[in-house]
N, C-alpha and C. Protein backbone atom coordinates (compact mmCIF):
# COMPACT_ATOMS: atom_id res chain seq x y z
N MET A 1 -25.19 0.04 -20.30
CA MET A 1 -23.86 -0.51 -20.11
C MET A 1 -23.92 -1.57 -19.01
N GLU A 2 -23.22 -2.65 -19.23
CA GLU A 2 -23.15 -3.74 -18.25
C GLU A 2 -22.34 -3.31 -17.03
N THR A 3 -22.73 -3.78 -15.84
CA THR A 3 -21.97 -3.48 -14.63
C THR A 3 -21.45 -4.76 -14.01
N SER A 4 -20.41 -4.64 -13.20
CA SER A 4 -19.77 -5.78 -12.54
C SER A 4 -19.33 -5.37 -11.15
N THR A 5 -18.93 -6.35 -10.36
CA THR A 5 -18.27 -6.09 -9.08
C THR A 5 -16.80 -5.91 -9.38
N VAL A 6 -16.22 -4.79 -8.93
CA VAL A 6 -14.86 -4.42 -9.27
C VAL A 6 -14.09 -4.13 -7.98
N VAL A 7 -12.86 -4.61 -7.87
CA VAL A 7 -11.99 -4.30 -6.74
C VAL A 7 -11.15 -3.09 -7.12
N ILE A 8 -11.16 -2.05 -6.28
CA ILE A 8 -10.46 -0.79 -6.53
C ILE A 8 -9.21 -0.74 -5.65
N PHE A 9 -8.06 -0.40 -6.24
CA PHE A 9 -6.80 -0.27 -5.50
C PHE A 9 -6.32 1.18 -5.57
N ARG A 10 -5.84 1.69 -4.45
CA ARG A 10 -5.23 3.01 -4.36
C ARG A 10 -3.92 2.88 -3.60
N SER A 11 -2.89 3.64 -4.02
CA SER A 11 -1.63 3.65 -3.27
C SER A 11 -1.90 4.18 -1.86
N TYR A 12 -1.26 3.56 -0.88
CA TYR A 12 -1.44 4.01 0.49
C TYR A 12 -0.64 5.29 0.71
N PRO A 13 -1.24 6.33 1.32
CA PRO A 13 -0.54 7.60 1.54
C PRO A 13 0.35 7.56 2.79
N PHE A 14 1.50 6.90 2.67
CA PHE A 14 2.43 6.81 3.81
C PHE A 14 2.80 8.20 4.32
N GLU A 15 3.05 8.28 5.64
CA GLU A 15 3.55 9.51 6.27
C GLU A 15 4.72 9.16 7.17
N VAL A 16 5.76 9.99 7.12
CA VAL A 16 6.93 9.78 7.96
C VAL A 16 6.49 9.73 9.42
N GLY A 17 7.03 8.77 10.15
CA GLY A 17 6.72 8.61 11.57
C GLY A 17 5.65 7.57 11.85
N GLN A 18 4.92 7.13 10.80
CA GLN A 18 3.89 6.12 11.02
C GLN A 18 4.52 4.81 11.48
N LYS A 19 3.84 4.15 12.38
CA LYS A 19 4.20 2.80 12.78
C LYS A 19 3.18 1.89 12.12
N ILE A 20 3.67 0.95 11.30
CA ILE A 20 2.76 0.13 10.51
C ILE A 20 3.02 -1.35 10.77
N TYR A 21 2.02 -2.15 10.47
CA TYR A 21 2.14 -3.60 10.53
C TYR A 21 1.68 -4.14 9.19
N ILE A 22 2.55 -4.87 8.51
CA ILE A 22 2.20 -5.50 7.24
C ILE A 22 1.79 -6.93 7.57
N GLU A 23 0.54 -7.25 7.25
CA GLU A 23 -0.05 -8.50 7.71
C GLU A 23 0.47 -9.74 6.99
N ASP A 24 0.83 -9.61 5.71
CA ASP A 24 1.28 -10.81 4.99
C ASP A 24 2.31 -10.43 3.93
N GLY A 25 2.83 -11.45 3.27
CA GLY A 25 3.82 -11.22 2.21
C GLY A 25 5.24 -11.22 2.74
N PRO A 26 6.20 -11.03 1.85
CA PRO A 26 7.61 -11.13 2.24
C PRO A 26 8.07 -10.02 3.18
N ARG A 27 7.33 -8.92 3.28
CA ARG A 27 7.72 -7.81 4.15
C ARG A 27 6.87 -7.74 5.41
N HIS A 28 6.20 -8.86 5.74
CA HIS A 28 5.28 -8.83 6.89
C HIS A 28 6.02 -8.46 8.17
N GLY A 29 5.27 -7.85 9.08
CA GLY A 29 5.83 -7.48 10.37
C GLY A 29 5.67 -6.01 10.66
N ASP A 30 6.35 -5.56 11.72
CA ASP A 30 6.28 -4.18 12.19
C ASP A 30 7.36 -3.34 11.53
N TRP A 31 6.99 -2.10 11.18
CA TRP A 31 7.92 -1.18 10.53
C TRP A 31 7.59 0.25 10.96
N GLU A 32 8.60 1.11 10.87
CA GLU A 32 8.39 2.54 11.03
C GLU A 32 8.71 3.21 9.70
N VAL A 33 7.85 4.11 9.26
CA VAL A 33 8.08 4.84 8.01
C VAL A 33 9.05 5.98 8.31
N ILE A 34 10.22 5.99 7.64
CA ILE A 34 11.20 7.04 7.92
C ILE A 34 11.44 7.98 6.74
N ALA A 35 10.98 7.62 5.53
CA ALA A 35 11.09 8.53 4.39
C ALA A 35 10.06 8.10 3.34
N VAL A 36 9.55 9.08 2.60
CA VAL A 36 8.56 8.82 1.56
C VAL A 36 8.85 9.72 0.37
N SER A 37 8.85 9.15 -0.83
CA SER A 37 8.93 9.94 -2.05
C SER A 37 7.81 9.48 -2.97
N ASP A 38 7.75 10.05 -4.17
CA ASP A 38 6.71 9.64 -5.11
C ASP A 38 6.82 8.17 -5.48
N ARG A 39 8.04 7.63 -5.48
CA ARG A 39 8.25 6.25 -5.93
C ARG A 39 8.70 5.28 -4.85
N LYS A 40 9.31 5.79 -3.79
CA LYS A 40 9.89 4.92 -2.77
C LYS A 40 9.33 5.21 -1.39
N VAL A 41 9.36 4.19 -0.54
CA VAL A 41 9.08 4.34 0.87
C VAL A 41 10.24 3.65 1.60
N THR A 42 10.77 4.33 2.62
CA THR A 42 11.86 3.76 3.40
C THR A 42 11.33 3.38 4.76
N LEU A 43 11.53 2.10 5.11
CA LEU A 43 11.02 1.56 6.37
C LEU A 43 12.18 1.09 7.23
N ARG A 44 12.00 1.20 8.55
CA ARG A 44 13.01 0.73 9.50
C ARG A 44 12.38 -0.32 10.40
N CYS A 45 13.09 -1.43 10.57
CA CYS A 45 12.65 -2.47 11.49
C CYS A 45 12.89 -1.99 12.92
N PRO A 46 11.88 -2.06 13.80
CA PRO A 46 12.07 -1.58 15.16
C PRO A 46 12.96 -2.49 16.01
N PHE A 47 13.24 -3.68 15.53
CA PHE A 47 14.06 -4.63 16.30
C PHE A 47 15.52 -4.57 15.86
N SER A 48 15.78 -4.77 14.58
CA SER A 48 17.16 -4.79 14.08
C SER A 48 17.67 -3.40 13.73
N LYS A 49 16.75 -2.43 13.58
CA LYS A 49 17.06 -1.06 13.17
C LYS A 49 17.55 -0.98 11.72
N ARG A 50 17.47 -2.09 10.98
CA ARG A 50 17.84 -2.07 9.57
C ARG A 50 16.81 -1.27 8.79
N GLU A 51 17.28 -0.57 7.74
CA GLU A 51 16.42 0.27 6.93
C GLU A 51 16.40 -0.27 5.50
N PHE A 52 15.22 -0.17 4.88
CA PHE A 52 15.05 -0.65 3.51
C PHE A 52 14.24 0.39 2.74
N ALA A 53 14.72 0.75 1.55
CA ALA A 53 13.98 1.63 0.64
C ALA A 53 13.40 0.75 -0.46
N TRP A 54 12.08 0.70 -0.53
CA TRP A 54 11.40 -0.13 -1.51
C TRP A 54 10.51 0.73 -2.39
N ASN A 55 10.25 0.25 -3.60
CA ASN A 55 9.21 0.87 -4.40
C ASN A 55 7.91 0.80 -3.59
N ARG A 56 7.09 1.82 -3.71
CA ARG A 56 5.84 1.82 -2.96
C ARG A 56 5.03 0.59 -3.34
N PHE A 57 4.55 -0.14 -2.36
CA PHE A 57 3.97 -1.46 -2.61
C PHE A 57 2.66 -1.70 -1.89
N CYS A 58 2.29 -0.92 -0.91
CA CYS A 58 1.06 -1.16 -0.15
C CYS A 58 -0.09 -0.42 -0.80
N TYR A 59 -1.23 -1.06 -0.78
CA TYR A 59 -2.42 -0.49 -1.39
C TYR A 59 -3.60 -0.66 -0.47
N VAL A 60 -4.51 0.28 -0.55
CA VAL A 60 -5.79 0.18 0.13
C VAL A 60 -6.75 -0.38 -0.90
N ALA A 61 -7.51 -1.39 -0.54
CA ALA A 61 -8.42 -2.02 -1.50
C ALA A 61 -9.85 -1.97 -0.99
N GLU A 62 -10.77 -1.91 -1.90
CA GLU A 62 -12.18 -2.00 -1.57
C GLU A 62 -12.89 -2.69 -2.72
N THR A 63 -14.06 -3.16 -2.45
CA THR A 63 -14.88 -3.79 -3.48
C THR A 63 -16.14 -2.96 -3.66
N ARG A 64 -16.46 -2.67 -4.90
CA ARG A 64 -17.68 -1.90 -5.20
C ARG A 64 -18.59 -2.72 -6.10
N GLU A 65 -19.85 -2.57 -5.88
CA GLU A 65 -20.86 -3.24 -6.71
C GLU A 65 -21.29 -2.32 -7.84
N ASP A 66 -21.75 -2.92 -8.92
CA ASP A 66 -22.36 -2.19 -10.04
C ASP A 66 -21.45 -1.12 -10.65
N ILE A 67 -20.20 -1.48 -10.89
CA ILE A 67 -19.23 -0.58 -11.51
C ILE A 67 -19.12 -0.96 -12.99
N PRO A 68 -19.14 0.01 -13.91
CA PRO A 68 -18.96 -0.33 -15.33
C PRO A 68 -17.59 -0.98 -15.54
N TRP A 69 -17.58 -2.06 -16.32
CA TRP A 69 -16.33 -2.74 -16.63
C TRP A 69 -16.35 -3.21 -18.05
N PRO A 70 -15.31 -2.90 -18.83
CA PRO A 70 -14.17 -2.08 -18.47
C PRO A 70 -14.57 -0.62 -18.31
N HIS A 71 -13.68 0.15 -17.64
CA HIS A 71 -13.98 1.57 -17.43
C HIS A 71 -14.04 2.28 -18.78
N PRO A 72 -14.97 3.22 -18.93
CA PRO A 72 -15.03 3.99 -20.17
C PRO A 72 -13.76 4.82 -20.34
N GLU A 73 -13.32 4.95 -21.57
CA GLU A 73 -12.08 5.72 -21.80
C GLU A 73 -12.32 7.20 -21.79
């Protein structure tokens, strides 16, 4: 089977109370995690104290070498 370099994405396991920094994108900046569900994460801005519930959007990424592509079913 042929292999390729593949980028792997996993949902980030948010935990209530975490202080996070989003480095880029429309939600960049500092946030505190105040609620987490299977589909949503609620963040509070430490400056304005505004809260936003968003679909989970952050991912941990890595690159692996010699991964079969496409993945076998």
